[in-house]
Amino acid sequence: MKPAAPRQLTLNTIFDRYIELRETKVRHADGLRWALAVPRTELGNLHPDHMSNRMAEEYAKNRGAADGTILKELRTVRAAINLAYKEGWIANPSRFSMPVSDPPPRDRWLTREEARALLDSADTPHIYLFIVLALTTAARSGAILELKWSQVDLKNKRIDYGQGHGNKRRSVVPINQMALGPLLRAEEAATSEYVIEWAGKPVKAIKTAFNKTVERAKLKDVSPHILRHTAATWMAIDGKPMREIAKVLGDSEDTVERHYAKYHPDYLKYAVSALSF
């Protein structure tokens, strides 16, 4: 007797199960919920087999959002459908392609004047300290928000960002002079085990308060991730070796060279020295 095919589920049911499984493996499940918020409204009552190329194109046309947003949403939808197939909840994997192309990467980083303006606009100690740590350690937002005082060695001036999510270990980064003072003041005023705290509790998301700080500083196109990109760019411009920048970022040297070598003062200088005549 032929086994019965998995029963059809609506996309909303699949989204719920997808988030439930993924939230223990990703840094912030809120990002998944955000990416699926509009798809829930527009596509949630459909079955996964309804997600064709034509349906994806109609979604993109009616969404009225930037290509990057549409890609984020539809890629999350596709990932949820493929996980449902892998888990045996549905009979078929995803069959639709992306209706828009990846936007070109934005090469936005802060000048030191912009960084000072951002710090001057921080109206709470936790936002100020977050910005300082992001710019002086090049850590990701999630690593900074999860940082505990037990990982901060003020005597030997080291921050151990600890174990990341999955098998990847985060960096151990020296504390420079710019960060030392704010950290000492924050430790003295601390009321919880978390370095970045608000009202005695850890801060789970920084984006709203950070965006208000950016507005007050009258800056544009600045996200928390831009601070990490800025730190890496500053190190490259200052001529620091790619291998050291890679260790600070916790990325491979190849990845760092691909993104930041162009800022290095010696970038291709040796090669073009052969072009004189």
Protein backbone atom coordinates (compact mmCIF):
# COMPACT_ATOMS: atom_id res chain seq x y z
CA MET A 1 0.00 0.00 0.00
CA LYS A 2 1.42 3.41 -1.02
CA PRO A 3 2.11 5.68 1.98
CA ALA A 4 0.01 8.79 2.21
CA ALA A 5 1.63 12.07 1.16
CA PRO A 6 2.14 14.66 3.88
CA ARG A 7 -0.95 16.76 4.36
CA GLN A 8 -1.04 20.28 2.98
CA LEU A 9 -0.44 23.04 5.48
CA THR A 10 -0.98 26.74 5.05
CA LEU A 11 2.06 28.96 4.87
CA ASN A 12 1.14 30.57 8.19
CA THR A 13 1.30 27.19 9.92
CA ILE A 14 4.65 26.51 8.27
CA PHE A 15 5.94 29.95 9.33
CA ASP A 16 4.98 29.20 12.94
CA ARG A 17 6.81 25.88 12.94
CA TYR A 18 9.80 27.37 11.13
CA ILE A 19 10.27 30.09 13.74
CA GLU A 20 9.81 27.59 16.55
CA LEU A 21 12.62 25.40 15.19
CA ARG A 22 14.94 28.22 14.15
CA GLU A 23 14.70 30.48 17.20
CA THR A 24 17.05 28.23 19.18
CA LYS A 25 19.68 28.38 16.40
CA VAL A 26 19.69 32.02 15.33
CA ARG A 27 20.86 35.09 17.22
CA HIS A 28 17.52 36.89 17.19
CA ALA A 29 14.27 35.21 16.13
CA ASP A 30 12.70 38.67 15.99
CA GLY A 31 14.40 39.11 12.62
CA LEU A 32 12.56 36.08 11.26
CA ARG A 33 9.26 37.33 12.62
CA TRP A 34 9.85 40.71 11.02
CA ALA A 35 10.73 39.14 7.67
CA LEU A 36 7.54 37.07 7.73
CA ALA A 37 5.17 39.79 8.98
CA VAL A 38 4.00 40.99 5.55
CA PRO A 39 4.13 37.52 3.93
CA ARG A 40 1.78 36.33 6.70
CA THR A 41 -0.78 38.91 5.65
CA GLU A 42 -0.35 38.58 1.90
CA LEU A 43 0.49 34.89 1.50
CA GLY A 44 -0.29 33.19 4.81
CA ASN A 45 -3.55 31.50 3.77
CA LEU A 46 -1.97 29.89 0.69
CA HIS A 47 -0.57 26.39 0.49
CA PRO A 48 3.17 26.12 -0.27
CA ASP A 49 2.49 24.64 -3.73
CA HIS A 50 0.80 27.93 -4.65
CA MET A 51 4.14 29.75 -4.38
CA SER A 52 5.06 29.86 -8.06
CA ASN A 53 7.28 32.29 -9.96
CA ARG A 54 4.16 34.19 -10.96
CA MET A 55 2.98 34.45 -7.34
CA ALA A 56 6.42 35.73 -6.27
CA GLU A 57 6.38 38.32 -9.07
CA GLU A 58 2.91 39.52 -8.03
CA TYR A 59 4.05 39.76 -4.42
CA ALA A 60 7.05 41.86 -5.43
CA LYS A 61 4.90 44.10 -7.65
CA ASN A 62 2.29 44.75 -4.96
CA ARG A 63 4.71 44.96 -2.02
CA GLY A 64 5.88 48.49 -2.80
CA ALA A 65 9.16 48.04 -0.92
CA ALA A 66 12.86 48.15 -1.74
CA ASP A 67 14.33 45.16 -3.57
CA GLY A 68 16.42 44.25 -0.54
CA THR A 69 13.31 44.03 1.65
CA ILE A 70 11.45 41.92 -0.91
CA LEU A 71 14.41 39.57 -1.21
CA LYS A 72 14.67 39.20 2.56
CA GLU A 73 10.99 38.36 2.87
CA LEU A 74 10.76 35.93 -0.04
CA ARG A 75 14.01 34.19 0.88
CA THR A 76 12.64 33.63 4.36
CA VAL A 77 9.42 32.26 2.87
CA ARG A 78 11.45 29.92 0.66
CA ALA A 79 13.60 28.80 3.59
CA ALA A 80 10.49 28.02 5.62
CA ILE A 81 8.99 25.95 2.78
CA ASN A 82 12.22 24.03 2.25
CA LEU A 83 12.51 23.27 5.95
CA ALA A 84 8.92 22.02 5.92
CA TYR A 85 9.82 19.69 3.04
CA LYS A 86 12.97 18.50 4.79
CA GLU A 87 10.99 17.74 7.95
CA GLY A 88 8.37 15.84 5.98
CA TRP A 89 5.50 18.24 6.68
CA ILE A 90 4.80 18.81 2.96
CA ALA A 91 5.34 16.83 -0.21
CA ASN A 92 7.32 19.30 -2.34
CA PRO A 93 10.18 21.77 -1.83
CA SER A 94 10.10 25.41 -2.87
CA ARG A 95 9.68 25.94 -6.63
CA PHE A 96 9.86 29.69 -7.06
CA SER A 97 12.73 32.00 -7.97
CA MET A 98 13.46 35.49 -6.72
CA PRO A 99 11.62 38.09 -8.84
CA VAL A 100 14.20 40.84 -8.16
CA SER A 101 18.00 40.96 -8.07
CA ASP A 102 20.27 41.69 -5.16
CA PRO A 103 20.85 45.44 -4.82
CA PRO A 104 24.46 46.59 -5.11
CA PRO A 105 26.27 46.62 -1.76
CA ARG A 106 26.28 49.94 0.07
CA ASP A 107 29.76 51.17 0.84
CA ARG A 108 28.73 53.29 3.82
CA TRP A 109 31.06 53.88 6.73
CA LEU A 110 31.39 56.72 9.21
CA THR A 111 34.02 59.40 9.22
CA ARG A 112 35.47 60.16 12.63
CA GLU A 113 33.51 63.41 12.66
CA GLU A 114 30.28 61.48 12.05
CA ALA A 115 31.21 58.99 14.77
CA ARG A 116 31.72 61.82 17.26
CA ALA A 117 28.39 63.35 16.23
CA LEU A 118 26.71 59.99 16.83
CA LEU A 119 28.23 59.66 20.29
CA ASP A 120 27.30 63.25 21.14
CA SER A 121 23.68 62.43 20.21
CA ALA A 122 23.43 59.36 22.45
CA ASP A 123 21.04 60.37 25.24
CA THR A 124 21.31 57.26 27.41
CA PRO A 125 24.39 55.51 28.85
CA HIS A 126 23.53 52.15 27.28
CA ILE A 127 23.33 53.57 23.75
CA TYR A 128 26.56 55.50 24.28
CA LEU A 129 28.39 52.39 25.51
CA PHE A 130 26.97 50.27 22.69
CA ILE A 131 28.33 52.71 20.09
CA VAL A 132 31.73 52.88 21.80
CA LEU A 133 32.06 49.09 21.93
CA ALA A 134 30.90 48.66 18.33
CA LEU A 135 33.45 51.17 17.05
CA THR A 136 36.37 50.07 19.24
CA THR A 137 35.95 46.27 19.09
CA ALA A 138 34.20 45.81 15.71
CA ALA A 139 31.85 43.29 17.32
CA ARG A 140 28.43 42.44 15.94
CA SER A 141 25.37 43.89 17.65
CA GLY A 142 24.28 40.53 19.00
CA ALA A 143 27.67 39.86 20.60
CA ILE A 144 27.65 43.27 22.31
CA LEU A 145 24.10 42.89 23.61
CA GLU A 146 24.89 39.41 24.96
CA LEU A 147 28.16 40.50 26.60
CA LYS A 148 28.37 39.94 30.36
CA TRP A 149 30.73 41.53 32.86
CA SER A 150 32.29 38.12 33.52
CA GLN A 151 33.66 38.33 29.96
CA VAL A 152 35.26 41.74 30.50
CA ASP A 153 38.74 41.81 32.04
CA LEU A 154 39.30 45.47 32.88
CA LYS A 155 42.58 44.76 34.68
CA ASN A 156 44.22 43.17 31.63
CA LYS A 157 42.10 45.18 29.18
CA ARG A 158 40.50 42.31 27.28
CA ILE A 159 36.97 41.48 26.16
CA ASP A 160 36.18 37.86 25.39
CA TYR A 161 33.02 37.84 23.31
CA GLY A 162 32.74 34.12 23.96
CA GLN A 163 31.02 31.39 22.05
CA GLY A 164 28.84 32.52 19.19
CA HIS A 165 25.80 30.73 17.87
CA GLY A 166 26.66 27.45 16.19
CA ASN A 167 30.30 26.33 16.17
CA LYS A 168 31.86 29.73 15.53
CA ARG A 169 33.78 31.33 18.37
CA ARG A 170 33.78 35.09 18.74
CA SER A 171 36.88 37.25 19.08
CA VAL A 172 38.94 38.17 22.10
CA VAL A 173 39.62 41.88 21.62
CA PRO A 174 41.85 44.31 23.54
CA ILE A 175 40.13 47.25 25.22
CA ASN A 176 41.60 50.48 23.87
CA GLN A 177 41.80 53.74 25.76
CA MET A 178 38.63 55.16 24.23
CA ALA A 179 36.56 52.25 25.55
CA LEU A 180 38.24 51.87 28.95
CA GLY A 181 36.72 54.95 30.62
CA PRO A 182 33.11 54.25 29.56
CA LEU A 183 33.48 50.60 30.62
CA LEU A 184 34.83 51.55 34.06
CA ARG A 185 31.93 53.95 34.59
CA ALA A 186 29.41 51.39 33.36
CA GLU A 187 30.80 48.69 35.67
CA GLU A 188 30.53 51.01 38.65
CA ALA A 189 26.88 51.76 37.83
CA ALA A 190 25.95 48.20 36.80
CA THR A 191 22.82 46.64 38.27
CA SER A 192 22.86 43.42 36.24
CA GLU A 193 25.37 40.94 34.81
CA TYR A 194 24.99 42.43 31.32
CA VAL A 195 27.28 45.18 30.07
CA ILE A 196 24.53 46.77 27.96
CA GLU A 197 21.55 47.11 30.29
CA TRP A 198 18.47 49.25 30.70
CA ALA A 199 16.55 49.48 33.99
CA GLY A 200 18.57 46.58 35.33
CA LYS A 201 17.69 44.25 32.47
CA PRO A 202 19.54 43.11 29.33
CA VAL A 203 18.72 44.96 26.12
CA LYS A 204 17.32 42.52 23.58
CA ALA A 205 17.14 44.93 20.63
CA ILE A 206 18.93 48.21 20.05
CA LYS A 207 17.58 49.28 16.66
CA THR A 208 14.79 51.68 17.73
CA ALA A 209 16.90 53.66 20.20
CA PHE A 210 19.86 53.58 17.83
CA ASN A 211 17.79 54.95 14.95
CA LYS A 212 16.62 57.86 17.13
CA THR A 213 20.26 58.61 17.95
CA VAL A 214 21.10 58.60 14.24
CA GLU A 215 18.24 61.05 13.59
CA ARG A 216 19.44 63.41 16.30
CA ALA A 217 22.95 63.28 14.82
CA LYS A 218 21.42 64.17 11.41
CA LEU A 219 23.10 61.21 9.73
CA LYS A 220 21.72 59.02 6.96
CA ASP A 221 22.02 55.34 6.07
CA VAL A 222 23.53 54.36 9.42
CA SER A 223 22.60 51.06 11.03
CA PRO A 224 24.23 49.23 13.96
CA HIS A 225 26.07 47.02 11.45
CA ILE A 226 27.62 50.11 9.84
CA LEU A 227 29.59 50.60 13.07
CA ARG A 228 31.31 47.22 12.61
CA HIS A 229 31.97 48.04 8.95
CA THR A 230 33.33 51.43 10.01
CA ALA A 231 35.75 49.90 12.51
CA ALA A 232 37.09 47.48 9.90
CA THR A 233 37.44 50.26 7.35
CA TRP A 234 39.32 52.49 9.79
CA MET A 235 41.77 49.68 10.55
CA ALA A 236 42.38 49.08 6.84
CA ILE A 237 42.84 52.80 6.08
CA ASP A 238 45.38 52.95 8.91
CA GLY A 239 47.38 50.21 7.20
CA LYS A 240 46.78 47.41 9.70
CA PRO A 241 47.51 43.90 8.34
CA MET A 242 44.53 42.02 6.92
CA ARG A 243 45.27 39.04 9.18
CA GLU A 244 44.96 41.23 12.29
CA ILE A 245 41.75 42.85 11.07
CA ALA A 246 40.39 39.36 10.40
CA LYS A 247 41.18 38.30 13.99
CA VAL A 248 39.41 41.35 15.39
CA LEU A 249 36.35 40.73 13.23
CA GLY A 250 36.34 36.98 13.77
CA ASP A 251 36.17 36.44 10.00
CA SER A 252 38.46 34.65 7.57
CA GLU A 253 41.36 36.58 6.10
CA ASP A 254 39.99 35.95 2.60
CA THR A 255 36.65 37.51 3.53
CA VAL A 256 38.30 40.54 5.10
CA GLU A 257 40.65 41.04 2.15
CA ARG A 258 37.73 40.85 -0.28
CA HIS A 259 35.82 43.60 1.53
CA TYR A 260 38.53 45.83 3.02
CA ALA A 261 41.81 45.50 1.11
CA LYS A 262 40.75 48.33 -1.22
CA TYR A 263 40.95 50.76 1.72
CA HIS A 264 44.52 49.77 2.61
CA PRO A 265 47.16 52.37 1.64
CA ASP A 266 49.28 49.66 -0.01
CA TYR A 267 46.40 48.17 -2.01
CA LEU A 268 47.80 47.17 -5.44
CA LYS A 269 50.62 49.69 -5.04
CA TYR A 270 53.26 47.07 -5.77
CA ALA A 271 51.42 45.86 -8.87
CA VAL A 272 50.98 49.29 -10.45
CA SER A 273 54.63 50.19 -9.75
CA ALA A 274 55.42 48.11 -12.84
CA LEU A 275 53.31 50.38 -15.05
CA SER A 276 55.70 53.35 -15.23
CA PHE A 277 57.25 54.23 -18.61
